[in-house]
Structures are given as structure tokens and as C-alpha cells.
Amino acid sequence: MRKSVISTAALALLLMVGCNKNQQTTGTEPAKSSAAVSASSSSMSPEELGTLGAQIKKEPSQADRLLSQHGLDEKSFAAAIRKVSEKPDDAKRYAAAYKRAS
């Protein structure tokens, strides 16, 4: 399950990096989740998220422990990655940190 969540998050990041900048979200559901993401992502930089993602990939059995050390769970981590992937510069910083830590 953890591997699939991590894989899904990584895939979502890659897909969102390739998406057009002009995409906009509408509706009330994204607004609810963006508030939760703001709290998580504001405390972690794209580099920190990338490093954490690489650590989780190396030690998937320790994913819950690694996430909890940063005050995250699987859903908030995935949401923070999606938030980072909205900005191409941040997505590049995330990817570079992920590669360095891998």
C-alpha cells in the first residue's frame, strides 16, 4: 500500500510538472485541501520534501515513522507534493533534491 501511494505521488508529481501553467482549480473541495496543504508545505521546502521522498523510497517500511517525524501522514505528504508541483521552479527543486538523496 505504501509503495503504491509513494509511486502514485511520484507519478502525480511528474504529470503535474508537465502540465500547463495556466490550469486553475475550481470548486470548494480543492479549497479545503489547500488549507491543509498550506500548513504542511509551508513548514517544508521542496528540497526537504524531495529528500523525504527519497528516504521513503529507500526504506518503505519506515514510511510512517519518517512522515510522522515531519508532522505528516501519507495524505498530507501527497498533498504537499501536489502543491510543490504546481510551480515549475519548486518542482525542479523537489526533483533535484530527490535525485541527490536517492
PDB file of N, CA and C in Angstrom:
ATOM      1  N   MET A   1       0.831  -1.187   0.000  1.00  0.00           N
ATOM      2  CA  MET A   1       0.000   0.000   0.000  1.00  0.00           C
ATOM      3  C   MET A   1       0.878   1.253   0.000  1.00  0.00           C
ATOM      4  N   ARG A   2       1.885   1.258   0.858  1.00  0.00           N
ATOM      5  CA  ARG A   2       2.751   2.430   0.941  1.00  0.00           C
ATOM      6  C   ARG A   2       3.478   2.660  -0.372  1.00  0.00           C
ATOM      7  N   LYS A   3       3.947   1.569  -0.966  1.00  0.00           N
ATOM      8  CA  LYS A   3       4.672   1.699  -2.228  1.00  0.00           C
ATOM      9  C   LYS A   3       3.765   2.274  -3.300  1.00  0.00           C
ATOM     10  N   SER A   4       2.504   1.861  -3.281  1.00  0.00           N
ATOM     11  CA  SER A   4       1.595   2.371  -4.301  1.00  0.00           C
ATOM     12  C   SER A   4       1.289   3.851  -4.068  1.00  0.00           C
ATOM     13  N   VAL A   5       1.191   4.269  -2.808  1.00  0.00           N
ATOM     14  CA  VAL A   5       0.948   5.687  -2.518  1.00  0.00           C
ATOM     15  C   VAL A   5       2.154   6.520  -2.935  1.00  0.00           C
ATOM     16  N   ILE A   6       3.324   6.029  -2.620  1.00  0.00           N
ATOM     17  CA  ILE A   6       4.550   6.749  -2.980  1.00  0.00           C
ATOM     18  C   ILE A   6       4.695   6.801  -4.496  1.00  0.00           C
ATOM     19  N   SER A   7       4.439   5.669  -5.139  1.00  0.00           N
ATOM     20  CA  SER A   7       4.518   5.641  -6.602  1.00  0.00           C
ATOM     21  C   SER A   7       3.504   6.580  -7.226  1.00  0.00           C
ATOM     22  N   THR A   8       2.306   6.583  -6.665  1.00  0.00           N
ATOM     23  CA  THR A   8       1.255   7.468  -7.175  1.00  0.00           C
ATOM     24  C   THR A   8       1.649   8.925  -6.984  1.00  0.00           C
ATOM     25  N   ALA A   9       2.217   9.243  -5.826  1.00  0.00           N
ATOM     26  CA  ALA A   9       2.634  10.617  -5.570  1.00  0.00           C
ATOM     27  C   ALA A   9       3.751  11.031  -6.531  1.00  0.00           C
ATOM     28  N   ALA A  10       4.693  10.144  -6.764  1.00  0.00           N
ATOM     29  CA  ALA A  10       5.788  10.453  -7.690  1.00  0.00           C
ATOM     30  C   ALA A  10       5.250  10.633  -9.107  1.00  0.00           C
ATOM     31  N   LEU A  11       4.328   9.768  -9.504  1.00  0.00           N
ATOM     32  CA  LEU A  11       3.726   9.878 -10.825  1.00  0.00           C
ATOM     33  C   LEU A  11       2.944  11.180 -10.958  1.00  0.00           C
ATOM     34  N   ALA A  12       2.201  11.515  -9.888  1.00  0.00           N
ATOM     35  CA  ALA A  12       1.437  12.763  -9.922  1.00  0.00           C
ATOM     36  C   ALA A  12       2.374  13.957 -10.071  1.00  0.00           C
ATOM     37  N   LEU A  13       3.493  13.914  -9.391  1.00  0.00           N
ATOM     38  CA  LEU A  13       4.468  14.994  -9.493  1.00  0.00           C
ATOM     39  C   LEU A  13       4.974  15.128 -10.922  1.00  0.00           C
ATOM     40  N   LEU A  14       5.334  14.019 -11.509  1.00  0.00           N
ATOM     41  CA  LEU A  14       5.849  14.063 -12.877  1.00  0.00           C
ATOM     42  C   LEU A  14       4.797  14.560 -13.858  1.00  0.00           C
ATOM     43  N   LEU A  15       3.565  14.113 -13.681  1.00  0.00           N
ATOM     44  CA  LEU A  15       2.499  14.550 -14.574  1.00  0.00           C
ATOM     45  C   LEU A  15       2.197  16.036 -14.408  1.00  0.00           C
ATOM     46  N   MET A  16       2.225  16.486 -13.176  1.00  0.00           N
ATOM     47  CA  MET A  16       1.890  17.885 -12.931  1.00  0.00           C
ATOM     48  C   MET A  16       2.991  18.818 -13.399  1.00  0.00           C
ATOM     49  N   VAL A  17       4.229  18.350 -13.365  1.00  0.00           N
ATOM     50  CA  VAL A  17       5.331  19.171 -13.853  1.00  0.00           C
ATOM     51  C   VAL A  17       5.152  19.427 -15.344  1.00  0.00           C
ATOM     52  N   GLY A  18       4.664  18.425 -16.046  1.00  0.00           N
ATOM     53  CA  GLY A  18       4.486  18.560 -17.486  1.00  0.00           C
ATOM     54  C   GLY A  18       3.224  19.301 -17.892  1.00  0.00           C
ATOM     55  N   CYS A  19       2.362  19.571 -16.929  1.00  0.00           N
ATOM     56  CA  CYS A  19       1.096  20.235 -17.252  1.00  0.00           C
ATOM     57  C   CYS A  19       1.304  21.725 -17.518  1.00  0.00           C
ATOM     58  N   ASN A  20       0.337  22.285 -18.136  1.00  0.00           N
ATOM     59  CA  ASN A  20       0.354  23.702 -18.470  1.00  0.00           C
ATOM     60  C   ASN A  20       0.232  24.556 -17.209  1.00  0.00           C
ATOM     61  N   LYS A  21       0.936  25.662 -17.153  1.00  0.00           N
ATOM     62  CA  LYS A  21       0.885  26.571 -16.011  1.00  0.00           C
ATOM     63  C   LYS A  21      -0.489  27.219 -15.850  1.00  0.00           C
ATOM     64  N   ASN A  22      -1.226  27.314 -16.919  1.00  0.00           N
ATOM     65  CA  ASN A  22      -2.480  28.059 -16.893  1.00  0.00           C
ATOM     66  C   ASN A  22      -3.640  27.292 -16.284  1.00  0.00           C
ATOM     67  N   GLN A  23      -3.425  26.097 -15.803  1.00  0.00           N
ATOM     68  CA  GLN A  23      -4.509  25.345 -15.187  1.00  0.00           C
ATOM     69  C   GLN A  23      -4.913  26.007 -13.888  1.00  0.00           C
ATOM     70  N   GLN A  24      -6.216  26.061 -13.656  1.00  0.00           N
ATOM     71  CA  GLN A  24      -6.725  26.631 -12.416  1.00  0.00           C
ATOM     72  C   GLN A  24      -7.717  25.652 -11.821  1.00  0.00           C
ATOM     73  N   THR A  25      -7.728  25.571 -10.486  1.00  0.00           N
ATOM     74  CA  THR A  25      -8.683  24.699  -9.832  1.00  0.00           C
ATOM     75  C   THR A  25      -9.903  25.509  -9.427  1.00  0.00           C
ATOM     76  N   THR A  26     -11.051  24.843  -9.454  1.00  0.00           N
ATOM     77  CA  THR A  26     -12.288  25.490  -9.049  1.00  0.00           C
ATOM     78  C   THR A  26     -13.036  24.567  -8.119  1.00  0.00           C
ATOM     79  N   GLY A  27     -14.015  25.119  -7.438  1.00  0.00           N
ATOM     80  CA  GLY A  27     -14.836  24.318  -6.546  1.00  0.00           C
ATOM     81  C   GLY A  27     -14.414  24.488  -5.109  1.00  0.00           C
ATOM     82  N   THR A  28     -15.181  23.870  -4.217  1.00  0.00           N
ATOM     83  CA  THR A  28     -14.905  24.023  -2.793  1.00  0.00           C
ATOM     84  C   THR A  28     -13.986  22.941  -2.253  1.00  0.00           C
ATOM     85  N   GLU A  29     -13.975  21.762  -2.832  1.00  0.00           N
ATOM     86  CA  GLU A  29     -13.135  20.680  -2.325  1.00  0.00           C
ATOM     87  C   GLU A  29     -11.650  21.010  -2.384  1.00  0.00           C
ATOM     88  N   PRO A  30     -11.103  21.529  -3.497  1.00  0.00           N
ATOM     89  CA  PRO A  30      -9.687  21.892  -3.506  1.00  0.00           C
ATOM     90  C   PRO A  30      -9.360  22.972  -2.476  1.00  0.00           C
ATOM     91  N   ALA A  31     -10.312  23.857  -2.203  1.00  0.00           N
ATOM     92  CA  ALA A  31     -10.055  24.908  -1.224  1.00  0.00           C
ATOM     93  C   ALA A  31      -9.865  24.312   0.164  1.00  0.00           C
ATOM     94  N   LYS A  32     -10.630  23.283   0.497  1.00  0.00           N
ATOM     95  CA  LYS A  32     -10.483  22.630   1.792  1.00  0.00           C
ATOM     96  C   LYS A  32      -9.130  21.964   1.911  1.00  0.00           C
ATOM     97  N   SER A  33      -8.722  21.239   0.888  1.00  0.00           N
ATOM     98  CA  SER A  33      -7.455  20.529   0.971  1.00  0.00           C
ATOM     99  C   SER A  33      -6.272  21.477   0.889  1.00  0.00           C
ATOM    100  N   SER A  34      -6.419  22.603   0.206  1.00  0.00           N
ATOM    101  CA  SER A  34      -5.300  23.535   0.099  1.00  0.00           C
ATOM    102  C   SER A  34      -4.966  24.169   1.437  1.00  0.00           C
ATOM    103  N   ALA A  35      -5.952  24.295   2.323  1.00  0.00           N
ATOM    104  CA  ALA A  35      -5.671  24.823   3.652  1.00  0.00           C
ATOM    105  C   ALA A  35      -4.787  23.860   4.431  1.00  0.00           C
ATOM    106  N   ALA A  36      -5.079  22.573   4.321  1.00  0.00           N
ATOM    107  CA  ALA A  36      -4.263  21.573   5.000  1.00  0.00           C
ATOM    108  C   ALA A  36      -2.879  21.506   4.380  1.00  0.00           C
ATOM    109  N   VAL A  37      -2.798  21.626   3.084  1.00  0.00           N
ATOM    110  CA  VAL A  37      -1.516  21.584   2.395  1.00  0.00           C
ATOM    111  C   VAL A  37      -0.676  22.786   2.777  1.00  0.00           C
ATOM    112  N   SER A  38      -1.290  23.934   2.902  1.00  0.00           N
ATOM    113  CA  SER A  38      -0.551  25.145   3.232  1.00  0.00           C
ATOM    114  C   SER A  38       0.205  24.985   4.536  1.00  0.00           C
ATOM    115  N   ALA A  39      -0.430  24.383   5.519  1.00  0.00           N
ATOM    116  CA  ALA A  39       0.226  24.201   6.805  1.00  0.00           C
ATOM    117  C   ALA A  39       1.416  23.260   6.677  1.00  0.00           C
ATOM    118  N   SER A  40       1.261  22.177   5.923  1.00  0.00           N
ATOM    119  CA  SER A  40       2.342  21.206   5.770  1.00  0.00           C
ATOM    120  C   SER A  40       3.446  21.731   4.877  1.00  0.00           C
ATOM    121  N   SER A  41       3.060  22.250   3.719  1.00  0.00           N
ATOM    122  CA  SER A  41       4.073  22.646   2.758  1.00  0.00           C
ATOM    123  C   SER A  41       4.798  23.915   3.173  1.00  0.00           C
ATOM    124  N   SER A  42       4.154  24.756   3.981  1.00  0.00           N
ATOM    125  CA  SER A  42       4.838  25.974   4.410  1.00  0.00           C
ATOM    126  C   SER A  42       5.967  25.645   5.374  1.00  0.00           C
ATOM    127  N   SER A  43       5.850  24.514   6.069  1.00  0.00           N
ATOM    128  CA  SER A  43       6.899  24.157   7.006  1.00  0.00           C
ATOM    129  C   SER A  43       8.013  23.351   6.343  1.00  0.00           C
ATOM    130  N   MET A  44       7.776  22.834   5.140  1.00  0.00           N
ATOM    131  CA  MET A  44       8.792  22.051   4.447  1.00  0.00           C
ATOM    132  C   MET A  44       9.051  22.631   3.067  1.00  0.00           C
ATOM    133  N   SER A  45      10.317  22.809   2.754  1.00  0.00           N
ATOM    134  CA  SER A  45      10.702  23.324   1.446  1.00  0.00           C
ATOM    135  C   SER A  45      10.620  22.199   0.417  1.00  0.00           C
ATOM    136  N   PRO A  46      10.637  22.533  -0.868  1.00  0.00           N
ATOM    137  CA  PRO A  46      10.663  21.492  -1.890  1.00  0.00           C
ATOM    138  C   PRO A  46      11.872  20.557  -1.740  1.00  0.00           C
ATOM    139  N   GLU A  47      12.999  21.101  -1.313  1.00  0.00           N
ATOM    140  CA  GLU A  47      14.187  20.275  -1.097  1.00  0.00           C
ATOM    141  C   GLU A  47      13.960  19.273   0.032  1.00  0.00           C
ATOM    142  N   GLU A  48      13.342  19.730   1.104  1.00  0.00           N
ATOM    143  CA  GLU A  48      13.067  18.830   2.233  1.00  0.00           C
ATOM    144  C   GLU A  48      12.081  17.739   1.828  1.00  0.00           C
ATOM    145  N   LEU A  49      11.064  18.106   1.060  1.00  0.00           N
ATOM    146  CA  LEU A  49      10.099  17.117   0.591  1.00  0.00           C
ATOM    147  C   LEU A  49      10.768  16.108  -0.340  1.00  0.00           C
ATOM    148  N   GLY A  50      11.653  16.580  -1.204  1.00  0.00           N
ATOM    149  CA  GLY A  50      12.367  15.684  -2.103  1.00  0.00           C
ATOM    150  C   GLY A  50      13.260  14.709  -1.357  1.00  0.00           C
ATOM    151  N   THR A  51      13.960  15.204  -0.364  1.00  0.00           N
ATOM    152  CA  THR A  51      14.815  14.355   0.453  1.00  0.00           C
ATOM    153  C   THR A  51      13.985  13.322   1.200  1.00  0.00           C
ATOM    154  N   LEU A  52      12.865  13.762   1.749  1.00  0.00           N
ATOM    155  CA  LEU A  52      11.977  12.850   2.466  1.00  0.00           C
ATOM    156  C   LEU A  52      11.423  11.783   1.527  1.00  0.00           C
ATOM    157  N   GLY A  53      11.028  12.181   0.336  1.00  0.00           N
ATOM    158  CA  GLY A  53      10.531  11.221  -0.648  1.00  0.00           C
ATOM    159  C   GLY A  53      11.566  10.160  -0.986  1.00  0.00           C
ATOM    160  N   ALA A  54      12.806  10.573  -1.133  1.00  0.00           N
ATOM    161  CA  ALA A  54      13.886   9.624  -1.436  1.00  0.00           C
ATOM    162  C   ALA A  54      14.133   8.681  -0.260  1.00  0.00           C
ATOM    163  N   GLN A  55      14.056   9.213   0.967  1.00  0.00           N
ATOM    164  CA  GLN A  55      14.234   8.372   2.145  1.00  0.00           C
ATOM    165  C   GLN A  55      13.129   7.321   2.227  1.00  0.00           C
ATOM    166  N   ILE A  56      11.913   7.738   1.902  1.00  0.00           N
ATOM    167  CA  ILE A  56      10.784   6.802   1.932  1.00  0.00           C
ATOM    168  C   ILE A  56      10.961   5.729   0.867  1.00  0.00           C
ATOM    169  N   LYS A  57      11.462   6.124  -0.294  1.00  0.00           N
ATOM    170  CA  LYS A  57      11.684   5.138  -1.352  1.00  0.00           C
ATOM    171  C   LYS A  57      12.746   4.127  -0.933  1.00  0.00           C
ATOM    172  N   LYS A  58      13.791   4.595  -0.233  1.00  0.00           N
ATOM    173  CA  LYS A  58      14.860   3.698   0.220  1.00  0.00           C
ATOM    174  C   LYS A  58      14.376   2.751   1.312  1.00  0.00           C
ATOM    175  N   GLU A  59      13.522   3.269   2.211  1.00  0.00           N
ATOM    176  CA  GLU A  59      13.055   2.489   3.354  1.00  0.00           C
ATOM    177  C   GLU A  59      11.524   2.549   3.447  1.00  0.00           C
ATOM    178  N   PRO A  60      10.813   1.897   2.544  1.00  0.00           N
ATOM    179  CA  PRO A  60       9.355   1.982   2.561  1.00  0.00           C
ATOM    180  C   PRO A  60       8.725   1.460   3.849  1.00  0.00           C
ATOM    181  N   SER A  61       9.383   0.541   4.519  1.00  0.00           N
ATOM    182  CA  SER A  61       8.830   0.022   5.772  1.00  0.00           C
ATOM    183  C   SER A  61       8.871   1.075   6.882  1.00  0.00           C
ATOM    184  N   GLN A  62       9.672   2.100   6.703  1.00  0.00           N
ATOM    185  CA  GLN A  62       9.794   3.166   7.697  1.00  0.00           C
ATOM    186  C   GLN A  62       9.017   4.420   7.313  1.00  0.00           C
ATOM    187  N   ALA A  63       8.172   4.324   6.301  1.00  0.00           N
ATOM    188  CA  ALA A  63       7.469   5.498   5.775  1.00  0.00           C
ATOM    189  C   ALA A  63       6.665   6.226   6.848  1.00  0.00           C
ATOM    190  N   ASP A  64       5.901   5.490   7.632  1.00  0.00           N
ATOM    191  CA  ASP A  64       5.071   6.141   8.657  1.00  0.00           C
ATOM    192  C   ASP A  64       5.934   6.899   9.670  1.00  0.00           C
ATOM    193  N   ARG A  65       7.026   6.274  10.081  1.00  0.00           N
ATOM    194  CA  ARG A  65       7.922   6.919  11.056  1.00  0.00           C
ATOM    195  C   ARG A  65       8.553   8.177  10.457  1.00  0.00           C
ATOM    196  N   LEU A  66       9.050   8.065   9.229  1.00  0.00           N
ATOM    197  CA  LEU A  66       9.680   9.214   8.578  1.00  0.00           C
ATOM    198  C   LEU A  66       8.688  10.361   8.396  1.00  0.00           C
ATOM    199  N   LEU A  67       7.481  10.034   7.964  1.00  0.00           N
ATOM    200  CA  LEU A  67       6.464  11.072   7.779  1.00  0.00           C
ATOM    201  C   LEU A  67       6.086  11.712   9.101  1.00  0.00           C
ATOM    202  N   SER A  68       5.893  10.905  10.131  1.00  0.00           N
ATOM    203  CA  SER A  68       5.478  11.457  11.423  1.00  0.00           C
ATOM    204  C   SER A  68       6.554  12.347  12.041  1.00  0.00           C
ATOM    205  N   GLN A  69       7.816  12.071  11.732  1.00  0.00           N
ATOM    206  CA  GLN A  69       8.898  12.927  12.224  1.00  0.00           C
ATOM    207  C   GLN A  69       8.777  14.349  11.671  1.00  0.00           C
ATOM    208  N   HIS A  70       8.124  14.467  10.534  1.00  0.00           N
ATOM    209  CA  HIS A  70       7.943  15.773   9.904  1.00  0.00           C
ATOM    210  C   HIS A  70       6.517  16.290  10.060  1.00  0.00           C
ATOM    211  N   GLY A  71       5.732  15.613  10.892  1.00  0.00           N
ATOM    212  CA  GLY A  71       4.360  16.048  11.141  1.00  0.00           C
ATOM    213  C   GLY A  71       3.425  15.795   9.967  1.00  0.00           C
ATOM    214  N   LEU A  72       3.721  14.770   9.182  1.00  0.00           N
ATOM    215  CA  LEU A  72       2.918  14.458   8.005  1.00  0.00           C
ATOM    216  C   LEU A  72       2.372  13.038   8.094  1.00  0.00           C
ATOM    217  N   ASP A  73       1.361  12.763   7.275  1.00  0.00           N
ATOM    218  CA  ASP A  73       0.911  11.400   7.030  1.00  0.00           C
ATOM    219  C   ASP A  73       0.922  11.202   5.516  1.00  0.00           C
ATOM    220  N   GLU A  74       0.471  10.038   5.048  1.00  0.00           N
ATOM    221  CA  GLU A  74       0.539   9.755   3.616  1.00  0.00           C
ATOM    222  C   GLU A  74      -0.238  10.783   2.792  1.00  0.00           C
ATOM    223  N   LYS A  75      -1.433  11.134   3.261  1.00  0.00           N
ATOM    224  CA  LYS A  75      -2.276  12.072   2.516  1.00  0.00           C
ATOM    225  C   LYS A  75      -1.678  13.479   2.496  1.00  0.00           C
ATOM    226  N   SER A  76      -1.187  13.939   3.636  1.00  0.00           N
ATOM    227  CA  SER A  76      -0.634  15.294   3.669  1.00  0.00           C
ATOM    228  C   SER A  76       0.677  15.376   2.887  1.00  0.00           C
ATOM    229  N   PHE A  77       1.449  14.292   2.879  1.00  0.00           N
ATOM    230  CA  PHE A  77       2.679  14.262   2.089  1.00  0.00           C
ATOM    231  C   PHE A  77       2.350  14.339   0.600  1.00  0.00           C
ATOM    232  N   ALA A  78       1.386  13.544   0.172  1.00  0.00           N
ATOM    233  CA  ALA A  78       0.973  13.571  -1.240  1.00  0.00           C
ATOM    234  C   ALA A  78       0.427  14.944  -1.611  1.00  0.00           C
ATOM    235  N   ALA A  79      -0.332  15.549  -0.705  1.00  0.00           N
ATOM    236  CA  ALA A  79      -0.886  16.880  -0.961  1.00  0.00           C
ATOM    237  C   ALA A  79       0.223  17.923  -1.048  1.00  0.00           C
ATOM    238  N   ALA A  80       1.231  17.806  -0.179  1.00  0.00           N
ATOM    239  CA  ALA A  80       2.349  18.751  -0.212  1.00  0.00           C
ATOM    240  C   ALA A  80       3.126  18.620  -1.521  1.00  0.00           C
ATOM    241  N   ILE A  81       3.283  17.393  -2.009  1.00  0.00           N
ATOM    242  CA  ILE A  81       3.973  17.180  -3.283  1.00  0.00           C
ATOM    243  C   ILE A  81       3.162  17.791  -4.420  1.00  0.00           C
ATOM    244  N   ARG A  82       1.845  17.614  -4.381  1.00  0.00           N
ATOM    245  CA  ARG A  82       0.997  18.222  -5.423  1.00  0.00           C
ATOM    246  C   ARG A  82       1.124  19.737  -5.385  1.00  0.00           C
ATOM    247  N   LYS A  83       1.170  20.297  -4.195  1.00  0.00           N
ATOM    248  CA  LYS A  83       1.299  21.749  -4.050  1.00  0.00           C
ATOM    249  C   LYS A  83       2.626  22.229  -4.646  1.00  0.00           C
ATOM    250  N   VAL A  84       3.695  21.503  -4.368  1.00  0.00           N
ATOM    251  CA  VAL A  84       5.013  21.856  -4.903  1.00  0.00           C
ATOM    252  C   VAL A  84       4.999  21.754  -6.424  1.00  0.00           C
ATOM    253  N   SER A  85       4.311  20.753  -6.945  1.00  0.00           N
ATOM    254  CA  SER A  85       4.323  20.533  -8.391  1.00  0.00           C
ATOM    255  C   SER A  85       3.526  21.583  -9.166  1.00  0.00           C
ATOM    256  N   GLU A  86       2.781  22.418  -8.466  1.00  0.00           N
ATOM    257  CA  GLU A  86       2.034  23.492  -9.133  1.00  0.00           C
ATOM    258  C   GLU A  86       2.962  24.574  -9.679  1.00  0.00           C
ATOM    259  N   LYS A  87       4.131  24.697  -9.080  1.00  0.00           N
ATOM    260  CA  LYS A  87       5.096  25.718  -9.505  1.00  0.00           C
ATOM    261  C   LYS A  87       6.289  25.013 -10.138  1.00  0.00           C
ATOM    262  N   PRO A  88       6.544  25.269 -11.414  1.00  0.00           N
ATOM    263  CA  PRO A  88       7.638  24.564 -12.101  1.00  0.00           C
ATOM    264  C   PRO A  88       8.996  24.701 -11.412  1.00  0.00           C
ATOM    265  N   ASP A  89       9.308  25.861 -10.888  1.00  0.00           N
ATOM    266  CA  ASP A  89      10.603  26.041 -10.222  1.00  0.00           C
ATOM    267  C   ASP A  89      10.694  25.174  -8.970  1.00  0.00           C
ATOM    268  N   ASP A  90       9.610  25.137  -8.190  1.00  0.00           N
ATOM    269  CA  ASP A  90       9.592  24.311  -6.983  1.00  0.00           C
ATOM    270  C   ASP A  90       9.655  22.830  -7.344  1.00  0.00           C
ATOM    271  N   ALA A  91       8.981  22.455  -8.417  1.00  0.00           N
ATOM    272  CA  ALA A  91       9.007  21.056  -8.852  1.00  0.00           C
ATOM    273  C   ALA A  91      10.418  20.642  -9.258  1.00  0.00           C
ATOM    274  N   LYS A  92      11.149  21.528  -9.905  1.00  0.00           N
ATOM    275  CA  LYS A  92      12.535  21.233 -10.287  1.00  0.00           C
ATOM    276  C   LYS A  92      13.415  21.097  -9.048  1.00  0.00           C
ATOM    277  N   ARG A  93      13.186  21.963  -8.055  1.00  0.00           N
ATOM    278  CA  ARG A  93      13.948  21.888  -6.808  1.00  0.00           C
ATOM    279  C   ARG A  93      13.663  20.560  -6.094  1.00  0.00           C
ATOM    280  N   TYR A  94      12.387  20.152  -6.073  1.00  0.00           N
ATOM    281  CA  TYR A  94      12.000  18.878  -5.465  1.00  0.00           C
ATOM    282  C   TYR A  94      12.718  17.721  -6.170  1.00  0.00           C
ATOM    283  N   ALA A  95      12.627  17.716  -7.504  1.00  0.00           N
ATOM    284  CA  ALA A  95      13.211  16.622  -8.283  1.00  0.00           C
ATOM    285  C   ALA A  95      14.725  16.545  -8.086  1.00  0.00           C
ATOM    286  N   ALA A  96      15.392  17.681  -8.037  1.00  0.00           N
ATOM    287  CA  ALA A  96      16.844  17.709  -7.846  1.00  0.00           C
ATOM    288  C   ALA A  96      17.207  17.153  -6.470  1.00  0.00           C
ATOM    289  N   ALA A  97      16.461  17.542  -5.447  1.00  0.00           N
ATOM    290  CA  ALA A  97      16.730  17.042  -4.098  1.00  0.00           C
ATOM    291  C   ALA A  97      16.457  15.543  -4.009  1.00  0.00           C
ATOM    292  N   TYR A  98      15.414  15.093  -4.671  1.00  0.00           N
ATOM    293  CA  TYR A  98      15.062  13.663  -4.690  1.00  0.00           C
ATOM    294  C   TYR A  98      16.196  12.864  -5.329  1.00  0.00           C
ATOM    295  N   LYS A  99      16.721  13.354  -6.454  1.00  0.00           N
ATOM    296  CA  LYS A  99      17.805  12.651  -7.147  1.00  0.00           C
ATOM    297  C   LYS A  99      19.070  12.633  -6.304  1.00  0.00           C
ATOM    298  N   ARG A 100      19.386  13.772  -5.660  1.00  0.00           N
ATOM    299  CA  ARG A 100      20.588  13.828  -4.814  1.00  0.00           C
ATOM    300  C   ARG A 100      20.502  12.851  -3.660  1.00  0.00           C
ATOM    301  N   ALA A 101      19.314  12.726  -3.071  1.00  0.00           N
ATOM    302  CA  ALA A 101      19.149  11.878  -1.890  1.00  0.00           C
ATOM    303  C   ALA A 101      18.965  10.402  -2.231  1.00  0.00           C
ATOM    304  N   SER A 102      18.694  10.110  -3.492  1.00  0.00           N
ATOM    305  CA  SER A 102      18.463   8.706  -3.895  1.00  0.00           C
ATOM    306  C   SER A 102      19.740   7.916  -3.964  1.00  0.00           C
TER     307      SER A 102
END
